[in-house]
Protein backbone atom coordinates (compact mmCIF):
# COMPACT_ATOMS: atom_id res chain seq x y z
CA UNK A 1 87.62 121.01 119.58
CA UNK A 2 91.39 121.90 118.55
CA UNK A 3 91.56 124.60 121.24
CA UNK A 4 90.31 122.03 124.11
CA UNK A 5 92.81 119.75 122.68
CA UNK A 6 95.90 121.85 122.70
CA UNK A 7 94.73 123.20 126.14
CA UNK A 8 94.67 120.13 127.66
CA UNK A 9 97.00 117.51 126.35
CA UNK A 10 96.61 115.27 129.29
CA UNK A 11 92.94 114.92 128.75
CA UNK A 12 92.44 111.87 126.68
CA UNK A 13 88.70 112.75 126.25
CA UNK A 14 89.65 115.86 124.23
CA UNK A 15 92.51 114.35 122.21
CA UNK A 16 90.35 111.41 121.08
CA UNK A 17 87.33 113.21 120.35
CA UNK A 18 89.55 116.14 118.30
CA UNK A 19 91.17 113.24 116.17
CA UNK A 20 87.78 111.53 115.66
CA UNK A 21 86.71 114.87 114.37
CA UNK A 22 89.70 114.99 111.93
CA UNK A 23 89.29 111.38 110.49
CA UNK A 24 85.01 112.14 109.87
CA UNK A 25 86.13 115.88 108.05
CA UNK A 26 88.34 114.05 105.64
CA UNK A 27 91.94 114.55 107.38
CA UNK A 28 92.69 111.08 108.33
CA UNK A 29 96.41 111.17 107.94
CA UNK A 30 96.37 114.18 110.53
CA UNK A 31 93.96 112.17 112.47
CA UNK A 32 96.30 109.10 112.60
CA UNK A 33 99.59 111.36 113.75
CA UNK A 34 96.90 112.44 116.44
CA UNK A 35 96.13 108.34 117.61
CA UNK A 36 99.94 107.66 117.49
CA UNK A 37 100.64 110.09 120.46
CA UNK A 38 97.41 109.15 121.94
CA UNK A 39 98.19 105.32 122.63
CA UNK A 40 101.94 106.17 123.42
CA UNK A 41 100.49 108.10 126.13
CA UNK A 42 97.88 105.60 127.10
CA UNK A 43 98.75 102.64 125.75
CA UNK A 44 96.67 100.07 127.66
CA UNK A 45 93.25 101.78 126.22
CA UNK A 46 92.11 99.34 123.71
CA UNK A 47 89.49 101.70 122.37
CA UNK A 48 92.54 104.20 120.98
CA UNK A 49 94.32 101.75 118.96
CA UNK A 50 90.94 100.75 117.11
CA UNK A 51 90.55 104.56 116.98
CA UNK A 52 94.17 104.54 115.39
CA UNK A 53 93.06 101.32 113.18
CA UNK A 54 89.92 103.05 111.62
CA UNK A 55 91.93 106.36 111.02
CA UNK A 56 94.69 104.81 109.22
CA UNK A 57 92.30 102.36 107.23
CA UNK A 58 90.58 105.58 106.06
CA UNK A 59 93.98 107.28 105.37
CA UNK A 60 94.90 104.04 102.90
CA UNK A 61 97.19 102.56 105.04
CA UNK A 62 96.20 98.94 105.60
CA UNK A 63 99.23 98.17 107.37
CA UNK A 64 99.03 100.50 110.05
CA UNK A 65 95.57 99.65 110.47
CA UNK A 66 95.94 95.84 111.29
CA UNK A 67 98.54 96.17 113.64
CA UNK A 68 96.45 98.95 115.63
CA UNK A 69 93.90 96.29 115.68
CA UNK A 70 95.74 93.49 116.37
CA UNK A 71 97.56 95.44 119.56
CA UNK A 72 93.62 96.30 120.33
CA UNK A 73 92.50 92.98 120.77
CA UNK A 74 95.79 91.82 122.42
CA UNK A 75 94.40 94.60 125.11
CA UNK A 76 91.22 93.13 125.22
CA UNK A 77 90.28 90.24 123.00
CA UNK A 78 86.63 90.52 123.31
CA UNK A 79 86.54 94.22 121.80
CA UNK A 80 83.80 94.04 119.34
CA UNK A 81 84.66 97.31 117.49
CA UNK A 82 88.30 95.74 117.02
CA UNK A 83 86.90 92.53 115.82
CA UNK A 84 84.61 94.09 113.10
CA UNK A 85 87.53 96.36 112.28
CA UNK A 86 90.15 93.33 112.05
CA UNK A 87 87.04 91.89 109.51
CA UNK A 88 87.05 94.96 107.62
CA UNK A 89 90.54 95.00 106.88
CA UNK A 90 90.57 90.84 106.15
CA UNK A 91 87.77 91.56 103.64
CA UNK A 92 89.79 94.76 101.98
CA UNK A 93 92.41 92.28 101.70
CA UNK A 94 90.20 89.88 99.84
CA UNK A 95 90.27 87.33 102.99
CA UNK A 96 86.38 86.70 103.02
CA UNK A 97 86.87 83.67 105.12
CA UNK A 98 89.38 85.22 107.80
CA UNK A 99 86.55 88.12 107.63
CA UNK A 100 83.85 86.26 108.11
CA UNK A 101 85.67 84.17 111.08
CA UNK A 102 86.29 87.93 112.58
CA UNK A 103 82.33 89.33 112.20
CA UNK A 104 81.21 86.08 113.50
CA UNK A 105 83.28 86.79 116.82
CA UNK A 106 82.19 90.77 116.86
CA UNK A 107 78.43 89.58 116.52
CA UNK A 108 79.07 86.88 119.15
CA UNK A 109 80.25 89.68 121.61
CA UNK A 110 77.91 92.12 120.61
CA UNK A 111 74.37 90.71 118.73
CA UNK A 112 72.70 94.15 118.50
CA UNK A 113 75.22 95.76 116.36
CA UNK A 114 73.71 95.76 112.93
CA UNK A 115 76.67 96.77 111.11
CA UNK A 116 78.31 93.76 112.52
CA UNK A 117 75.73 91.54 110.99
CA UNK A 118 75.91 93.00 107.49
CA UNK A 119 79.54 92.72 107.45
CA UNK A 120 79.05 88.95 108.25
CA UNK A 121 76.23 88.81 105.45
CA UNK A 122 78.97 90.25 103.00
CA UNK A 123 81.70 88.12 103.97
CA UNK A 124 79.43 84.67 103.59
CA UNK A 125 77.86 86.12 100.53
CA UNK A 126 81.60 86.66 99.08
CA UNK A 127 81.88 82.93 100.04
CA UNK A 128 78.78 81.87 98.37
CA UNK A 129 77.00 81.16 101.68
CA UNK A 130 73.68 82.46 100.39
CA UNK A 131 71.54 80.79 103.21
CA UNK A 132 73.75 81.85 106.15
CA UNK A 133 74.23 85.26 104.27
CA UNK A 134 70.65 85.58 103.77
CA UNK A 135 70.38 84.91 107.83
CA UNK A 136 72.91 87.53 108.55
CA UNK A 137 71.19 90.32 106.85
CA UNK A 138 67.86 89.40 108.58
CA UNK A 139 69.52 89.63 111.63
CA UNK A 140 70.72 93.28 110.94
CA UNK A 141 67.27 94.33 109.58
CA UNK A 142 65.58 92.78 112.98
CA UNK A 143 68.16 95.32 114.88
CA UNK A 144 67.55 98.28 112.38
CA UNK A 145 64.61 97.62 109.80
CA UNK A 146 65.81 100.17 106.91
CA UNK A 147 69.79 99.85 107.36
CA UNK A 148 70.81 100.19 104.27
CA UNK A 149 73.67 97.79 103.62
CA UNK A 150 71.62 94.82 105.02
CA UNK A 151 68.35 95.81 102.79
CA UNK A 152 71.17 96.25 99.68
CA UNK A 153 72.55 92.65 100.45
CA UNK A 154 69.63 91.23 101.03
CA UNK A 155 67.70 92.37 97.77
CA UNK A 156 70.93 91.28 95.78
CA UNK A 157 70.28 88.05 97.16
CA UNK A 158 66.71 87.71 96.40
CA UNK A 159 67.44 88.98 93.11
CA UNK A 160 70.09 86.35 92.55
CA UNK A 161 67.32 83.84 93.54
CA UNK A 162 65.07 85.17 90.76
CA UNK A 163 62.86 86.99 93.32
CA UNK A 164 63.65 90.33 91.86
CA UNK A 165 60.09 91.99 92.63
CA UNK A 166 60.55 91.52 96.16
CA UNK A 167 63.84 93.06 96.05
CA UNK A 168 62.32 96.11 94.91
CA UNK A 169 61.32 97.44 98.14
CA UNK A 170 64.47 96.37 100.10
CA UNK A 171 66.63 98.59 97.48
CA UNK A 172 64.08 101.52 97.57
CA UNK A 173 64.15 101.68 101.23
CA UNK A 174 68.39 101.75 101.09
CA UNK A 175 68.20 104.80 98.74
CA UNK A 176 65.45 106.53 100.61
CA UNK A 177 67.93 105.93 104.12
CA UNK A 178 71.07 106.88 102.32
CA UNK A 179 70.92 108.27 98.46
CA UNK A 180 74.69 108.12 98.28
CA UNK A 181 74.41 104.24 98.51
CA UNK A 182 74.71 104.12 94.59
CA UNK A 183 75.36 100.15 94.50
CA UNK A 184 71.93 99.95 95.82
CA UNK A 185 70.22 102.67 93.42
CA UNK A 186 72.06 100.71 90.87
CA UNK A 187 70.71 97.21 91.95
CA UNK A 188 67.25 99.07 92.25
CA UNK A 189 67.19 99.40 88.46
CA UNK A 190 68.36 95.87 88.02
CA UNK A 191 65.57 94.34 90.03
CA UNK A 192 63.44 96.36 88.04
CA UNK A 193 64.37 95.19 84.81
CA UNK A 194 64.64 91.88 85.67
CA UNK A 195 60.95 92.39 87.02
CA UNK A 196 60.29 93.29 83.15
CA UNK A 197 59.43 97.06 84.39
CA UNK A 198 62.22 98.61 81.78
CA UNK A 199 60.53 102.05 82.32
CA UNK A 200 61.44 102.18 86.06
CA UNK A 201 64.73 100.70 85.44
CA UNK A 202 65.73 103.49 82.95
CA UNK A 203 64.94 105.75 85.81
CA UNK A 204 66.94 104.29 88.26
CA UNK A 205 69.91 103.92 86.05
CA UNK A 206 69.58 107.62 85.05
CA UNK A 207 69.40 108.59 88.97
CA UNK A 208 72.93 106.71 89.31
CA UNK A 209 74.05 108.81 86.62
CA UNK A 210 73.26 111.71 88.09
CA UNK A 211 74.61 111.00 91.23
CA UNK A 212 77.01 108.74 91.31
CA UNK A 213 81.02 109.92 90.35
CA UNK A 214 81.71 109.27 86.65
CA UNK A 215 84.27 107.37 87.36
CA UNK A 216 82.81 104.96 89.69
CA UNK A 217 81.78 101.29 89.08
CA UNK A 218 78.39 102.26 89.65
CA UNK A 219 78.26 104.72 86.86
CA UNK A 220 79.73 102.99 84.20
CA UNK A 221 77.47 99.94 84.88
CA UNK A 222 74.46 102.09 85.16
CA UNK A 223 75.73 103.51 81.73
CA UNK A 224 75.51 100.27 79.78
CA UNK A 225 72.72 99.16 81.60
CA UNK A 226 70.70 102.16 80.45
CA UNK A 227 71.95 101.55 76.76
CA UNK A 228 70.41 97.51 77.53
CA UNK A 229 67.16 98.89 78.50
CA UNK A 230 66.39 101.24 75.33
CA UNK A 231 67.34 98.86 72.66
CA UNK A 232 64.29 97.16 71.42
């Protein structure tokens, strides 16, 4: 793809595809540079601005990501991925209310995207709007019955409502679909523990300790919870 991008600098598809490949393989900063050149060359393409925002967010540059999403929406106010991207940036900044509003707009434009509904569920849960968060997670699962983030989010709500046994299969399907979703693996242990199955809880916590990075929140929490279930 690099060869094609270099050989055809005026071919938008080659430039965008190569930039996305760079972002997906961990070279987000290089991808940002490519997307900057692309939006300079094709300034009326809202999708390129959104792609620039995604790469900038991955590179840790929230300010540039926000500018790019706003540019995308100035060009195309009903661009659902850009609305969703704006919501993610607002959530990153701790503004759950604005994030929820952006995700609501994204789902209004494209109601068939499970990730948009899941993000809306996360924002509503952050706001304490639990009933409507559950509704959003269930909308996501109606689209994709095993969408891991939605399964995890709904499971968390069920645990909070003292329905841990019902949450267990949701966390199980989340980790089966995405073994790297350490939060769901940790939540599975909590659901087992809340259900009274200390042995399965301990097994789940041990898996988190095996899979999660040592400095992660999940690893530290699993170590503490494992110690708690071992105590008589």
